[in-house]
Amino acid sequence: MQKEQNRKLSSLSILTIAGVGPYQEKPGEKYMNKAQLLHFKLILEAWRSQLLYEVDRTVSCIQDEASNFPDPIDRAAQEEEFSLTLRNRDRERRLIKKIEKTFKRMAEEDFGFCECCGVEIGIRRLEARPTASLCIDCKTLAEIREKQMAG
């Protein structure tokens, strides 16, 4: 039952988790007005809450399931499972930091605009990735640069 519930949660979009639908822009509406900011605050708060819940659940799960197996193979399998779980939680911890940074950008009225070139990131892109800080063009260029540096 628990794994089935986790599978359902992981397959839901960020919008569904927040209990909101896609934002419907009105003709002549100013970009990043109060209604749009509220929409994204709801999304980010729900996402952060879900991530924090998962962190708490992991801690209690590891404490409950921690066993000292006499068989080294069983012990190694459990340690590997815990290691993978902790690695995922570390990614989520970094994502929580990004969400906090996004809230700060909202407070500074920089949310929704590219950090690099200053253009609008766009409602749909932000709904797909609310922590986005680069427009699609700047993000594409950054990824190309990253591949060139790594390659």
N, C-alpha and C. Protein backbone atom coordinates (compact mmCIF):
# COMPACT_ATOMS: atom_id res chain seq x y z
N MET A 1 0.82 -1.19 0.00
CA MET A 1 0.00 0.00 0.00
C MET A 1 0.87 1.26 0.00
N GLN A 2 1.89 1.30 0.88
CA GLN A 2 2.75 2.47 0.98
C GLN A 2 3.51 2.71 -0.33
N LYS A 3 4.07 1.63 -0.93
CA LYS A 3 4.81 1.79 -2.19
C LYS A 3 3.87 2.26 -3.30
N GLU A 4 2.64 1.74 -3.30
CA GLU A 4 1.68 2.15 -4.31
C GLU A 4 1.35 3.63 -4.16
N GLN A 5 1.21 4.11 -2.93
CA GLN A 5 0.94 5.52 -2.68
C GLN A 5 2.12 6.38 -3.13
N ASN A 6 3.35 5.93 -2.84
CA ASN A 6 4.54 6.68 -3.27
C ASN A 6 4.61 6.76 -4.78
N ARG A 7 4.26 5.66 -5.46
CA ARG A 7 4.28 5.64 -6.92
C ARG A 7 3.27 6.65 -7.46
N LYS A 8 2.09 6.72 -6.83
CA LYS A 8 1.08 7.68 -7.25
C LYS A 8 1.58 9.10 -7.07
N LEU A 9 2.18 9.40 -5.92
CA LEU A 9 2.69 10.76 -5.66
C LEU A 9 3.78 11.13 -6.64
N SER A 10 4.69 10.20 -6.92
CA SER A 10 5.80 10.54 -7.80
C SER A 10 5.35 10.75 -9.23
N SER A 11 4.21 10.16 -9.62
CA SER A 11 3.75 10.31 -10.99
C SER A 11 2.91 11.57 -11.17
N LEU A 12 2.54 12.24 -10.09
CA LEU A 12 1.75 13.45 -10.19
C LEU A 12 2.63 14.63 -10.56
N SER A 13 2.04 15.55 -11.28
CA SER A 13 2.79 16.77 -11.62
C SER A 13 2.82 17.69 -10.42
N ILE A 14 3.69 18.65 -10.48
CA ILE A 14 3.82 19.64 -9.41
C ILE A 14 2.50 20.38 -9.23
N LEU A 15 1.81 20.65 -10.33
CA LEU A 15 0.54 21.37 -10.24
C LEU A 15 -0.50 20.54 -9.49
N THR A 16 -0.54 19.25 -9.76
CA THR A 16 -1.51 18.39 -9.11
C THR A 16 -1.22 18.30 -7.62
N ILE A 17 0.04 18.19 -7.27
CA ILE A 17 0.44 18.13 -5.86
C ILE A 17 -0.04 19.39 -5.15
N ALA A 18 0.08 20.53 -5.82
CA ALA A 18 -0.34 21.80 -5.23
C ALA A 18 -1.86 21.97 -5.25
N GLY A 19 -2.55 21.14 -6.00
CA GLY A 19 -4.01 21.24 -6.08
C GLY A 19 -4.47 22.41 -6.94
N VAL A 20 -3.66 22.79 -7.90
CA VAL A 20 -4.02 23.88 -8.80
C VAL A 20 -3.93 23.40 -10.24
N GLY A 21 -4.64 24.08 -11.10
CA GLY A 21 -4.54 23.79 -12.52
C GLY A 21 -3.58 24.75 -13.18
N PRO A 22 -3.36 24.58 -14.48
CA PRO A 22 -2.49 25.53 -15.20
C PRO A 22 -3.07 26.95 -15.11
N TYR A 23 -2.20 27.91 -15.00
CA TYR A 23 -2.64 29.30 -14.88
C TYR A 23 -3.24 29.75 -16.20
N GLN A 24 -4.40 30.37 -16.11
CA GLN A 24 -5.07 30.89 -17.30
C GLN A 24 -4.80 32.40 -17.38
N GLU A 25 -3.95 32.77 -18.33
CA GLU A 25 -3.62 34.18 -18.49
C GLU A 25 -4.81 34.93 -19.09
N LYS A 26 -5.00 36.15 -18.61
CA LYS A 26 -6.07 37.01 -19.12
C LYS A 26 -5.48 38.00 -20.11
N PRO A 27 -6.24 38.37 -21.12
CA PRO A 27 -5.73 39.32 -22.11
C PRO A 27 -5.29 40.63 -21.45
N GLY A 28 -4.11 41.10 -21.82
CA GLY A 28 -3.58 42.36 -21.30
C GLY A 28 -3.05 42.28 -19.87
N GLU A 29 -2.98 41.09 -19.33
CA GLU A 29 -2.53 40.91 -17.95
C GLU A 29 -1.02 41.16 -17.85
N LYS A 30 -0.63 41.86 -16.79
CA LYS A 30 0.78 42.14 -16.55
C LYS A 30 1.48 40.85 -16.12
N TYR A 31 2.69 40.64 -16.64
CA TYR A 31 3.48 39.46 -16.29
C TYR A 31 3.94 39.55 -14.84
N MET A 32 3.82 38.46 -14.13
CA MET A 32 4.16 38.30 -12.71
C MET A 32 3.40 39.29 -11.82
N ASN A 33 2.09 39.35 -12.06
CA ASN A 33 1.23 40.15 -11.20
C ASN A 33 0.93 39.36 -9.92
N LYS A 34 0.12 39.93 -9.03
CA LYS A 34 -0.16 39.29 -7.73
C LYS A 34 -0.80 37.91 -7.90
N ALA A 35 -1.72 37.76 -8.85
CA ALA A 35 -2.39 36.47 -9.06
C ALA A 35 -1.40 35.40 -9.52
N GLN A 36 -0.51 35.76 -10.42
CA GLN A 36 0.50 34.81 -10.90
C GLN A 36 1.47 34.45 -9.78
N LEU A 37 1.91 35.44 -9.02
CA LEU A 37 2.83 35.16 -7.91
C LEU A 37 2.17 34.25 -6.87
N LEU A 38 0.90 34.49 -6.58
CA LEU A 38 0.18 33.64 -5.64
C LEU A 38 0.09 32.21 -6.17
N HIS A 39 -0.17 32.07 -7.46
CA HIS A 39 -0.23 30.76 -8.10
C HIS A 39 1.08 29.99 -7.88
N PHE A 40 2.20 30.67 -8.11
CA PHE A 40 3.49 30.00 -7.96
C PHE A 40 3.87 29.79 -6.50
N LYS A 41 3.44 30.67 -5.61
CA LYS A 41 3.69 30.46 -4.18
C LYS A 41 2.98 29.20 -3.71
N LEU A 42 1.73 29.01 -4.16
CA LEU A 42 0.99 27.80 -3.80
C LEU A 42 1.71 26.54 -4.29
N ILE A 43 2.19 26.59 -5.51
CA ILE A 43 2.91 25.45 -6.09
C ILE A 43 4.17 25.17 -5.30
N LEU A 44 4.97 26.20 -5.03
CA LEU A 44 6.24 26.03 -4.32
C LEU A 44 6.03 25.56 -2.88
N GLU A 45 5.03 26.11 -2.20
CA GLU A 45 4.76 25.70 -0.82
C GLU A 45 4.33 24.23 -0.76
N ALA A 46 3.48 23.80 -1.69
CA ALA A 46 3.04 22.41 -1.71
C ALA A 46 4.21 21.48 -2.03
N TRP A 47 5.05 21.89 -2.97
CA TRP A 47 6.21 21.08 -3.35
C TRP A 47 7.17 20.94 -2.17
N ARG A 48 7.44 22.08 -1.51
CA ARG A 48 8.33 22.06 -0.35
C ARG A 48 7.75 21.18 0.77
N SER A 49 6.47 21.29 1.01
CA SER A 49 5.82 20.48 2.04
C SER A 49 5.95 18.99 1.74
N GLN A 50 5.75 18.63 0.48
CA GLN A 50 5.88 17.23 0.10
C GLN A 50 7.31 16.74 0.32
N LEU A 51 8.28 17.55 -0.06
CA LEU A 51 9.69 17.17 0.11
C LEU A 51 10.05 17.04 1.58
N LEU A 52 9.58 17.96 2.41
CA LEU A 52 9.86 17.88 3.84
C LEU A 52 9.20 16.66 4.47
N TYR A 53 8.00 16.33 4.00
CA TYR A 53 7.32 15.13 4.49
C TYR A 53 8.15 13.89 4.15
N GLU A 54 8.68 13.84 2.93
CA GLU A 54 9.49 12.70 2.50
C GLU A 54 10.76 12.58 3.34
N VAL A 55 11.37 13.72 3.68
CA VAL A 55 12.57 13.70 4.53
C VAL A 55 12.24 13.11 5.89
N ASP A 56 11.15 13.58 6.49
CA ASP A 56 10.74 13.07 7.80
C ASP A 56 10.42 11.57 7.73
N ARG A 57 9.73 11.18 6.67
CA ARG A 57 9.37 9.78 6.50
C ARG A 57 10.61 8.90 6.35
N THR A 58 11.60 9.38 5.66
CA THR A 58 12.83 8.62 5.47
C THR A 58 13.56 8.41 6.78
N VAL A 59 13.66 9.47 7.57
CA VAL A 59 14.36 9.35 8.85
C VAL A 59 13.68 8.30 9.73
N SER A 60 12.37 8.38 9.84
CA SER A 60 11.67 7.41 10.69
C SER A 60 11.74 6.01 10.08
N CYS A 61 11.70 5.91 8.78
CA CYS A 61 11.76 4.61 8.11
C CYS A 61 13.12 3.95 8.34
N ILE A 62 14.20 4.71 8.22
CA ILE A 62 15.54 4.16 8.43
C ILE A 62 15.70 3.73 9.89
N GLN A 63 15.19 4.54 10.81
CA GLN A 63 15.28 4.18 12.22
C GLN A 63 14.48 2.91 12.52
N ASP A 64 13.30 2.79 11.91
CA ASP A 64 12.45 1.62 12.16
C ASP A 64 13.00 0.35 11.52
N GLU A 65 13.56 0.49 10.32
CA GLU A 65 14.00 -0.67 9.57
C GLU A 65 15.44 -1.08 9.85
N ALA A 66 16.18 -0.25 10.55
CA ALA A 66 17.59 -0.56 10.82
C ALA A 66 17.68 -1.84 11.64
N SER A 67 18.33 -2.82 11.07
CA SER A 67 18.52 -4.10 11.75
C SER A 67 19.97 -4.52 11.62
N ASN A 68 20.42 -5.25 12.57
CA ASN A 68 21.77 -5.77 12.50
C ASN A 68 21.68 -7.23 12.04
N PHE A 69 21.65 -7.40 10.73
CA PHE A 69 21.53 -8.75 10.16
C PHE A 69 22.81 -9.53 10.39
N PRO A 70 22.67 -10.80 10.81
CA PRO A 70 23.87 -11.62 10.99
C PRO A 70 24.52 -11.97 9.65
N ASP A 71 23.69 -12.05 8.60
CA ASP A 71 24.22 -12.41 7.28
C ASP A 71 24.81 -11.15 6.62
N PRO A 72 26.10 -11.19 6.25
CA PRO A 72 26.73 -10.00 5.65
C PRO A 72 26.06 -9.55 4.35
N ILE A 73 25.50 -10.47 3.61
CA ILE A 73 24.84 -10.10 2.34
C ILE A 73 23.56 -9.32 2.63
N ASP A 74 22.80 -9.77 3.62
CA ASP A 74 21.58 -9.05 4.00
C ASP A 74 21.92 -7.66 4.53
N ARG A 75 22.97 -7.57 5.34
CA ARG A 75 23.39 -6.30 5.91
C ARG A 75 23.85 -5.36 4.78
N ALA A 76 24.61 -5.88 3.83
CA ALA A 76 25.09 -5.06 2.71
C ALA A 76 23.92 -4.57 1.85
N ALA A 77 22.94 -5.44 1.63
CA ALA A 77 21.78 -5.05 0.83
C ALA A 77 21.01 -3.92 1.53
N GLN A 78 20.86 -4.03 2.85
CA GLN A 78 20.16 -2.99 3.59
C GLN A 78 20.95 -1.68 3.56
N GLU A 79 22.25 -1.76 3.72
CA GLU A 79 23.08 -0.55 3.69
C GLU A 79 23.03 0.12 2.32
N GLU A 80 23.02 -0.69 1.27
CA GLU A 80 22.93 -0.14 -0.08
C GLU A 80 21.58 0.55 -0.29
N GLU A 81 20.52 -0.06 0.21
CA GLU A 81 19.19 0.54 0.11
C GLU A 81 19.15 1.87 0.86
N PHE A 82 19.71 1.89 2.07
CA PHE A 82 19.76 3.13 2.84
C PHE A 82 20.59 4.18 2.11
N SER A 83 21.69 3.76 1.51
CA SER A 83 22.57 4.69 0.80
C SER A 83 21.83 5.34 -0.37
N LEU A 84 21.09 4.55 -1.14
CA LEU A 84 20.33 5.10 -2.27
C LEU A 84 19.25 6.05 -1.77
N THR A 85 18.58 5.67 -0.70
CA THR A 85 17.54 6.53 -0.13
C THR A 85 18.13 7.85 0.34
N LEU A 86 19.26 7.79 1.02
CA LEU A 86 19.89 9.02 1.51
C LEU A 86 20.39 9.89 0.36
N ARG A 87 20.85 9.27 -0.71
CA ARG A 87 21.30 10.05 -1.87
C ARG A 87 20.12 10.80 -2.49
N ASN A 88 18.97 10.10 -2.57
CA ASN A 88 17.77 10.77 -3.08
C ASN A 88 17.34 11.91 -2.17
N ARG A 89 17.41 11.71 -0.88
CA ARG A 89 17.01 12.75 0.07
C ARG A 89 17.98 13.93 0.00
N ASP A 90 19.25 13.66 -0.30
CA ASP A 90 20.20 14.75 -0.45
C ASP A 90 19.83 15.61 -1.66
N ARG A 91 19.41 14.97 -2.75
CA ARG A 91 18.94 15.72 -3.92
C ARG A 91 17.73 16.57 -3.55
N GLU A 92 16.82 15.97 -2.77
CA GLU A 92 15.63 16.70 -2.35
C GLU A 92 15.99 17.86 -1.42
N ARG A 93 17.00 17.68 -0.57
CA ARG A 93 17.45 18.75 0.31
C ARG A 93 17.96 19.93 -0.52
N ARG A 94 18.72 19.62 -1.58
CA ARG A 94 19.21 20.69 -2.46
C ARG A 94 18.04 21.38 -3.18
N LEU A 95 17.03 20.59 -3.53
CA LEU A 95 15.85 21.16 -4.18
C LEU A 95 15.10 22.07 -3.23
N ILE A 96 15.02 21.70 -1.96
CA ILE A 96 14.39 22.56 -0.95
C ILE A 96 15.14 23.89 -0.87
N LYS A 97 16.47 23.84 -0.94
CA LYS A 97 17.26 25.09 -0.94
C LYS A 97 16.95 25.94 -2.16
N LYS A 98 16.76 25.29 -3.33
CA LYS A 98 16.40 26.02 -4.54
C LYS A 98 15.03 26.67 -4.37
N ILE A 99 14.11 25.95 -3.74
CA ILE A 99 12.77 26.50 -3.51
C ILE A 99 12.86 27.71 -2.60
N GLU A 100 13.67 27.62 -1.55
CA GLU A 100 13.87 28.76 -0.65
C GLU A 100 14.47 29.95 -1.40
N LYS A 101 15.42 29.67 -2.28
CA LYS A 101 16.03 30.73 -3.09
C LYS A 101 14.97 31.37 -4.00
N THR A 102 14.07 30.56 -4.51
CA THR A 102 13.00 31.06 -5.38
C THR A 102 12.06 31.97 -4.59
N PHE A 103 11.73 31.59 -3.35
CA PHE A 103 10.92 32.46 -2.50
C PHE A 103 11.61 33.81 -2.29
N LYS A 104 12.92 33.77 -2.12
CA LYS A 104 13.69 35.01 -1.94
C LYS A 104 13.61 35.86 -3.21
N ARG A 105 13.71 35.22 -4.37
CA ARG A 105 13.59 35.95 -5.64
C ARG A 105 12.21 36.59 -5.77
N MET A 106 11.18 35.87 -5.27
CA MET A 106 9.82 36.44 -5.31
C MET A 106 9.75 37.70 -4.44
N ALA A 107 10.35 37.62 -3.26
CA ALA A 107 10.34 38.76 -2.34
C ALA A 107 11.08 39.96 -2.94
N GLU A 108 12.12 39.67 -3.72
CA GLU A 108 12.91 40.74 -4.36
C GLU A 108 12.34 41.15 -5.72
N GLU A 109 11.21 40.55 -6.10
CA GLU A 109 10.52 40.82 -7.36
C GLU A 109 11.37 40.48 -8.59
N ASP A 110 12.22 39.46 -8.45
CA ASP A 110 13.03 38.99 -9.58
C ASP A 110 12.48 37.69 -10.16
N PHE A 111 11.48 37.11 -9.51
CA PHE A 111 10.94 35.82 -9.94
C PHE A 111 10.28 35.95 -11.31
N GLY A 112 10.56 34.95 -12.17
CA GLY A 112 9.94 34.92 -13.49
C GLY A 112 10.76 35.57 -14.57
N PHE A 113 11.89 36.16 -14.20
CA PHE A 113 12.75 36.82 -15.17
C PHE A 113 14.11 36.14 -15.17
N CYS A 114 14.69 36.00 -16.35
CA CYS A 114 15.98 35.32 -16.51
C CYS A 114 17.08 36.08 -15.77
N GLU A 115 17.86 35.34 -14.99
CA GLU A 115 18.98 35.95 -14.25
C GLU A 115 20.07 36.43 -15.19
N CYS A 116 20.13 35.84 -16.37
CA CYS A 116 21.21 36.16 -17.31
C CYS A 116 20.87 37.34 -18.23
N CYS A 117 19.72 37.25 -18.90
CA CYS A 117 19.39 38.27 -19.90
C CYS A 117 18.20 39.15 -19.50
N GLY A 118 17.47 38.77 -18.46
CA GLY A 118 16.39 39.61 -17.96
C GLY A 118 15.04 39.46 -18.64
N VAL A 119 14.93 38.58 -19.65
CA VAL A 119 13.64 38.40 -20.31
C VAL A 119 12.72 37.54 -19.46
N GLU A 120 11.43 37.56 -19.80
CA GLU A 120 10.45 36.74 -19.10
C GLU A 120 10.74 35.25 -19.35
N ILE A 121 10.71 34.46 -18.29
CA ILE A 121 10.94 33.02 -18.42
C ILE A 121 9.71 32.36 -19.02
N GLY A 122 8.54 32.80 -18.63
CA GLY A 122 7.30 32.27 -19.18
C GLY A 122 6.54 31.42 -18.17
N ILE A 123 5.23 31.58 -18.18
CA ILE A 123 4.36 30.89 -17.23
C ILE A 123 4.47 29.37 -17.37
N ARG A 124 4.41 28.85 -18.57
CA ARG A 124 4.41 27.39 -18.76
C ARG A 124 5.75 26.77 -18.33
N ARG A 125 6.84 27.43 -18.63
CA ARG A 125 8.14 26.92 -18.20
C ARG A 125 8.23 26.92 -16.68
N LEU A 126 7.73 27.97 -16.06
CA LEU A 126 7.76 28.05 -14.59
C LEU A 126 6.83 27.02 -13.96
N GLU A 127 5.73 26.71 -14.62
CA GLU A 127 4.85 25.66 -14.09
C GLU A 127 5.52 24.30 -14.17
N ALA A 128 6.31 24.10 -15.22
CA ALA A 128 7.03 22.83 -15.36
C ALA A 128 8.19 22.75 -14.38
N ARG A 129 8.86 23.88 -14.17
CA ARG A 129 10.01 23.93 -13.26
C ARG A 129 9.97 25.26 -12.51
N PRO A 130 9.23 25.33 -11.40
CA PRO A 130 9.05 26.60 -10.70
C PRO A 130 10.34 27.23 -10.17
N THR A 131 11.41 26.45 -10.06
CA THR A 131 12.67 27.01 -9.58
C THR A 131 13.56 27.51 -10.71
N ALA A 132 13.06 27.49 -11.93
CA ALA A 132 13.85 27.94 -13.08
C ALA A 132 14.25 29.40 -12.90
N SER A 133 15.51 29.67 -13.17
CA SER A 133 15.99 31.05 -13.05
C SER A 133 16.56 31.55 -14.37
N LEU A 134 16.55 30.70 -15.39
CA LEU A 134 17.04 31.07 -16.71
C LEU A 134 15.96 30.84 -17.76
N CYS A 135 15.89 31.70 -18.75
CA CYS A 135 14.98 31.47 -19.87
C CYS A 135 15.48 30.25 -20.65
N ILE A 136 14.68 29.74 -21.52
CA ILE A 136 15.03 28.52 -22.25
C ILE A 136 16.28 28.71 -23.10
N ASP A 137 16.45 29.89 -23.69
CA ASP A 137 17.63 30.13 -24.52
C ASP A 137 18.91 30.14 -23.69
N CYS A 138 18.89 30.85 -22.58
CA CYS A 138 20.09 30.91 -21.71
C CYS A 138 20.38 29.56 -21.09
N LYS A 139 19.33 28.81 -20.75
CA LYS A 139 19.53 27.48 -20.18
C LYS A 139 20.16 26.54 -21.22
N THR A 140 19.70 26.64 -22.45
CA THR A 140 20.26 25.82 -23.52
C THR A 140 21.73 26.14 -23.72
N LEU A 141 22.08 27.42 -23.74
CA LEU A 141 23.48 27.82 -23.90
C LEU A 141 24.33 27.34 -22.72
N ALA A 142 23.78 27.43 -21.50
CA ALA A 142 24.51 26.98 -20.31
C ALA A 142 24.77 25.47 -20.38
N GLU A 143 23.79 24.71 -20.85
CA GLU A 143 23.97 23.27 -20.98
C GLU A 143 25.00 22.93 -22.05
N ILE A 144 25.02 23.68 -23.15
CA ILE A 144 26.02 23.45 -24.20
C ILE A 144 27.41 23.73 -23.65
N ARG A 145 27.56 24.84 -22.93
CA ARG A 145 28.85 25.18 -22.30
C ARG A 145 29.29 24.10 -21.32
N GLU A 146 28.33 23.62 -20.54
CA GLU A 146 28.62 22.57 -19.55
C GLU A 146 29.12 21.29 -20.23
N LYS A 147 28.49 20.92 -21.35
CA LYS A 147 28.91 19.73 -22.10
C LYS A 147 30.31 19.93 -22.68
N GLN A 148 30.59 21.13 -23.16
CA GLN A 148 31.90 21.40 -23.75
C GLN A 148 33.00 21.35 -22.69
N MET A 149 32.71 21.84 -21.51
CA MET A 149 33.68 21.82 -20.41
C MET A 149 33.93 20.40 -19.93
N ALA A 150 32.88 19.59 -19.91
CA ALA A 150 33.00 18.21 -19.41
C ALA A 150 33.65 17.31 -20.46
N GLY A 151 33.42 17.61 -21.73
CA GLY A 151 33.88 16.73 -22.81
C GLY A 151 35.26 16.97 -23.18
